[in-house]
Amino acid sequence: MSTKPPSPVAEFPADSLEKIAYAVVADIPAEEVNDRNRLGYCLWGWLSERHGTLLQTVRSAGVRSTLAPEEIVTRIQQQLEKRGISVS
């Protein structure tokens, strides 16, 4: 019996919302990597749909961080504006 190699992984383009969302939260201090991944996923959902506020999105992600949710929102807003994405 032989083992097949894993399927190749197709990366998202650098300008896709998925890449942007995860890149924006990459520098947010979190207790675990999954906290940051969950925050990136919730940010991607917010960027896609724009339901609620960014603060609600950060709070619903439940990220465990040394930063307050308001500070996380400020950092995310700054990073999104650098990439030319309007937050308001």
N, C-alpha and C. Protein backbone atom coordinates (compact mmCIF):
# COMPACT_ATOMS: atom_id res chain seq x y z
N MET A 1 0.85 -1.17 0.00
CA MET A 1 0.00 0.00 0.00
C MET A 1 0.90 1.24 0.00
N SER A 2 0.62 2.17 -0.87
CA SER A 2 1.45 3.38 -0.96
C SER A 2 0.68 4.59 -0.43
N THR A 3 1.44 5.55 -0.01
CA THR A 3 0.85 6.79 0.49
C THR A 3 0.95 7.86 -0.58
N LYS A 4 -0.14 8.50 -0.83
CA LYS A 4 -0.15 9.57 -1.82
C LYS A 4 0.30 10.88 -1.18
N PRO A 5 0.94 11.74 -1.95
CA PRO A 5 1.32 13.04 -1.39
C PRO A 5 0.08 13.89 -1.15
N PRO A 6 0.17 14.84 -0.23
CA PRO A 6 -0.99 15.69 0.04
C PRO A 6 -1.31 16.57 -1.15
N SER A 7 -2.55 16.97 -1.22
CA SER A 7 -2.98 17.86 -2.29
C SER A 7 -2.29 19.21 -2.14
N PRO A 8 -2.00 19.87 -3.25
CA PRO A 8 -1.38 21.19 -3.13
C PRO A 8 -2.37 22.20 -2.57
N VAL A 9 -1.83 23.18 -1.88
CA VAL A 9 -2.66 24.23 -1.29
C VAL A 9 -2.58 25.46 -2.19
N ALA A 10 -3.72 25.97 -2.58
CA ALA A 10 -3.77 27.17 -3.40
C ALA A 10 -3.87 28.38 -2.48
N GLU A 11 -2.90 29.25 -2.54
CA GLU A 11 -2.89 30.46 -1.74
C GLU A 11 -3.84 31.50 -2.33
N PHE A 12 -4.44 32.31 -1.44
CA PHE A 12 -5.27 33.41 -1.90
C PHE A 12 -4.36 34.51 -2.45
N PRO A 13 -4.83 35.29 -3.41
CA PRO A 13 -4.03 36.42 -3.89
C PRO A 13 -3.77 37.42 -2.76
N ALA A 14 -2.68 38.16 -2.84
CA ALA A 14 -2.29 39.09 -1.78
C ALA A 14 -3.32 40.19 -1.55
N ASP A 15 -4.11 40.52 -2.57
CA ASP A 15 -5.09 41.60 -2.43
C ASP A 15 -6.49 41.10 -2.09
N SER A 16 -6.62 39.82 -1.77
CA SER A 16 -7.94 39.29 -1.42
C SER A 16 -8.29 39.66 0.02
N LEU A 17 -9.58 39.70 0.31
CA LEU A 17 -10.02 40.05 1.66
C LEU A 17 -9.51 39.07 2.71
N GLU A 18 -9.39 37.81 2.34
CA GLU A 18 -8.91 36.80 3.27
C GLU A 18 -7.48 37.10 3.71
N LYS A 19 -6.60 37.36 2.74
CA LYS A 19 -5.20 37.66 3.05
C LYS A 19 -5.09 38.94 3.84
N ILE A 20 -5.86 39.94 3.46
CA ILE A 20 -5.81 41.23 4.15
C ILE A 20 -6.24 41.07 5.60
N ALA A 21 -7.34 40.37 5.84
CA ALA A 21 -7.86 40.21 7.20
C ALA A 21 -6.84 39.51 8.11
N TYR A 22 -6.25 38.44 7.63
CA TYR A 22 -5.29 37.71 8.46
C TYR A 22 -3.98 38.48 8.61
N ALA A 23 -3.58 39.25 7.61
CA ALA A 23 -2.36 40.06 7.70
C ALA A 23 -2.54 41.21 8.69
N VAL A 24 -3.74 41.78 8.72
CA VAL A 24 -4.02 42.90 9.61
C VAL A 24 -3.92 42.48 11.07
N VAL A 25 -4.37 41.29 11.40
CA VAL A 25 -4.37 40.85 12.80
C VAL A 25 -3.10 40.09 13.19
N ALA A 26 -2.16 39.96 12.28
CA ALA A 26 -0.95 39.17 12.55
C ALA A 26 -0.13 39.73 13.71
N ASP A 27 -0.18 41.04 13.94
CA ASP A 27 0.63 41.65 15.00
C ASP A 27 -0.13 41.88 16.30
N ILE A 28 -1.37 41.45 16.36
CA ILE A 28 -2.16 41.60 17.59
C ILE A 28 -1.68 40.54 18.58
N PRO A 29 -1.25 40.97 19.78
CA PRO A 29 -0.83 39.97 20.77
C PRO A 29 -2.02 39.14 21.24
N ALA A 30 -1.85 37.83 21.23
CA ALA A 30 -2.91 36.92 21.65
C ALA A 30 -2.30 35.78 22.46
N GLU A 31 -3.10 35.20 23.35
CA GLU A 31 -2.60 34.10 24.17
C GLU A 31 -2.26 32.88 23.33
N GLU A 32 -3.08 32.59 22.33
CA GLU A 32 -2.85 31.43 21.48
C GLU A 32 -3.03 31.82 20.03
N VAL A 33 -2.42 31.05 19.16
CA VAL A 33 -2.53 31.31 17.72
C VAL A 33 -3.98 31.23 17.27
N ASN A 34 -4.75 30.33 17.85
CA ASN A 34 -6.15 30.19 17.46
C ASN A 34 -6.97 31.43 17.79
N ASP A 35 -6.59 32.16 18.83
CA ASP A 35 -7.26 33.42 19.12
C ASP A 35 -7.08 34.39 17.96
N ARG A 36 -5.86 34.47 17.46
CA ARG A 36 -5.58 35.36 16.34
C ARG A 36 -6.26 34.87 15.07
N ASN A 37 -6.27 33.57 14.86
CA ASN A 37 -6.96 33.02 13.68
C ASN A 37 -8.46 33.31 13.73
N ARG A 38 -9.05 33.18 14.90
CA ARG A 38 -10.48 33.45 15.06
C ARG A 38 -10.76 34.93 14.81
N LEU A 39 -9.87 35.80 15.28
CA LEU A 39 -10.02 37.23 15.05
C LEU A 39 -9.91 37.54 13.55
N GLY A 40 -8.97 36.90 12.87
CA GLY A 40 -8.83 37.09 11.43
C GLY A 40 -10.07 36.63 10.68
N TYR A 41 -10.61 35.50 11.09
CA TYR A 41 -11.82 34.98 10.45
C TYR A 41 -13.00 35.93 10.66
N CYS A 42 -13.16 36.42 11.90
CA CYS A 42 -14.27 37.34 12.18
C CYS A 42 -14.08 38.66 11.43
N LEU A 43 -12.83 39.12 11.31
CA LEU A 43 -12.57 40.34 10.56
C LEU A 43 -12.88 40.14 9.08
N TRP A 44 -12.52 38.99 8.54
CA TRP A 44 -12.85 38.68 7.15
C TRP A 44 -14.38 38.71 6.94
N GLY A 45 -15.12 38.13 7.87
CA GLY A 45 -16.58 38.15 7.78
C GLY A 45 -17.12 39.57 7.83
N TRP A 46 -16.52 40.40 8.69
CA TRP A 46 -16.97 41.79 8.78
C TRP A 46 -16.63 42.56 7.50
N LEU A 47 -15.46 42.33 6.96
CA LEU A 47 -15.08 43.01 5.72
C LEU A 47 -15.98 42.58 4.56
N SER A 48 -16.41 41.34 4.57
CA SER A 48 -17.26 40.82 3.50
C SER A 48 -18.69 41.34 3.59
N GLU A 49 -19.23 41.40 4.79
CA GLU A 49 -20.65 41.71 4.97
C GLU A 49 -20.92 43.08 5.56
N ARG A 50 -20.01 43.60 6.37
CA ARG A 50 -20.16 44.88 7.06
C ARG A 50 -21.39 44.92 7.96
N HIS A 51 -21.65 43.81 8.66
CA HIS A 51 -22.75 43.77 9.64
C HIS A 51 -22.20 44.16 11.00
N GLY A 52 -22.86 45.09 11.66
CA GLY A 52 -22.42 45.51 12.98
C GLY A 52 -21.22 46.43 12.91
N THR A 53 -20.60 46.62 14.07
CA THR A 53 -19.43 47.49 14.14
C THR A 53 -18.17 46.64 14.25
N LEU A 54 -17.05 47.29 14.05
CA LEU A 54 -15.78 46.59 14.18
C LEU A 54 -15.55 46.17 15.63
N LEU A 55 -15.98 46.99 16.57
CA LEU A 55 -15.85 46.64 17.99
C LEU A 55 -16.67 45.40 18.32
N GLN A 56 -17.88 45.31 17.79
CA GLN A 56 -18.70 44.11 18.00
C GLN A 56 -18.00 42.88 17.43
N THR A 57 -17.37 43.05 16.29
CA THR A 57 -16.66 41.93 15.65
C THR A 57 -15.51 41.46 16.52
N VAL A 58 -14.73 42.39 17.05
CA VAL A 58 -13.59 42.04 17.91
C VAL A 58 -14.09 41.34 19.17
N ARG A 59 -15.15 41.86 19.75
CA ARG A 59 -15.69 41.24 20.97
C ARG A 59 -16.25 39.86 20.69
N SER A 60 -16.91 39.68 19.55
CA SER A 60 -17.49 38.37 19.24
C SER A 60 -16.41 37.34 18.92
N ALA A 61 -15.24 37.79 18.50
CA ALA A 61 -14.14 36.87 18.24
C ALA A 61 -13.63 36.25 19.53
N GLY A 62 -13.80 36.96 20.64
CA GLY A 62 -13.38 36.42 21.93
C GLY A 62 -11.88 36.26 22.05
N VAL A 63 -11.14 37.13 21.40
CA VAL A 63 -9.68 37.03 21.44
C VAL A 63 -9.17 37.37 22.84
N ARG A 64 -8.30 36.51 23.34
CA ARG A 64 -7.68 36.75 24.65
C ARG A 64 -6.36 37.45 24.39
N SER A 65 -6.30 38.72 24.77
CA SER A 65 -5.14 39.55 24.47
C SER A 65 -4.82 40.43 25.66
N THR A 66 -3.60 40.95 25.67
CA THR A 66 -3.22 41.91 26.69
C THR A 66 -3.78 43.30 26.37
N LEU A 67 -4.28 43.47 25.16
CA LEU A 67 -4.87 44.73 24.74
C LEU A 67 -6.38 44.72 25.00
N ALA A 68 -6.92 45.89 25.26
CA ALA A 68 -8.37 46.04 25.39
C ALA A 68 -8.98 45.96 24.00
N PRO A 69 -10.24 45.54 23.91
CA PRO A 69 -10.89 45.47 22.59
C PRO A 69 -10.83 46.78 21.81
N GLU A 70 -10.94 47.91 22.52
CA GLU A 70 -10.88 49.21 21.84
C GLU A 70 -9.51 49.45 21.22
N GLU A 71 -8.43 49.00 21.90
CA GLU A 71 -7.08 49.14 21.36
C GLU A 71 -6.90 48.24 20.14
N ILE A 72 -7.48 47.07 20.18
CA ILE A 72 -7.40 46.16 19.03
C ILE A 72 -8.11 46.78 17.83
N VAL A 73 -9.26 47.38 18.07
CA VAL A 73 -10.00 48.04 16.99
C VAL A 73 -9.17 49.16 16.39
N THR A 74 -8.51 49.95 17.23
CA THR A 74 -7.68 51.04 16.74
C THR A 74 -6.55 50.52 15.86
N ARG A 75 -5.90 49.46 16.29
CA ARG A 75 -4.81 48.87 15.49
C ARG A 75 -5.33 48.33 14.16
N ILE A 76 -6.47 47.67 14.20
CA ILE A 76 -7.05 47.13 12.97
C ILE A 76 -7.42 48.26 12.02
N GLN A 77 -8.03 49.31 12.54
CA GLN A 77 -8.40 50.45 11.70
C GLN A 77 -7.18 51.07 11.04
N GLN A 78 -6.09 51.22 11.78
CA GLN A 78 -4.87 51.79 11.22
C GLN A 78 -4.33 50.92 10.10
N GLN A 79 -4.31 49.62 10.32
CA GLN A 79 -3.78 48.71 9.30
C GLN A 79 -4.67 48.68 8.05
N LEU A 80 -5.97 48.72 8.25
CA LEU A 80 -6.89 48.72 7.10
C LEU A 80 -6.74 50.01 6.30
N GLU A 81 -6.60 51.13 6.99
CA GLU A 81 -6.43 52.41 6.29
C GLU A 81 -5.12 52.45 5.51
N LYS A 82 -4.07 51.80 6.02
CA LYS A 82 -2.81 51.70 5.27
C LYS A 82 -3.00 50.95 3.96
N ARG A 83 -3.96 50.02 3.98
CA ARG A 83 -4.22 49.22 2.79
C ARG A 83 -5.32 49.84 1.91
N GLY A 84 -5.78 51.03 2.29
CA GLY A 84 -6.76 51.74 1.49
C GLY A 84 -8.19 51.28 1.67
N ILE A 85 -8.49 50.64 2.81
CA ILE A 85 -9.84 50.15 3.08
C ILE A 85 -10.49 51.07 4.10
N SER A 86 -11.63 51.63 3.73
CA SER A 86 -12.37 52.53 4.60
C SER A 86 -13.08 51.73 5.68
N VAL A 87 -12.99 52.20 6.92
CA VAL A 87 -13.59 51.49 8.04
C VAL A 87 -14.95 52.07 8.40
N SER A 88 -15.16 53.32 8.13
CA SER A 88 -16.40 53.97 8.55
C SER A 88 -17.59 53.58 7.74
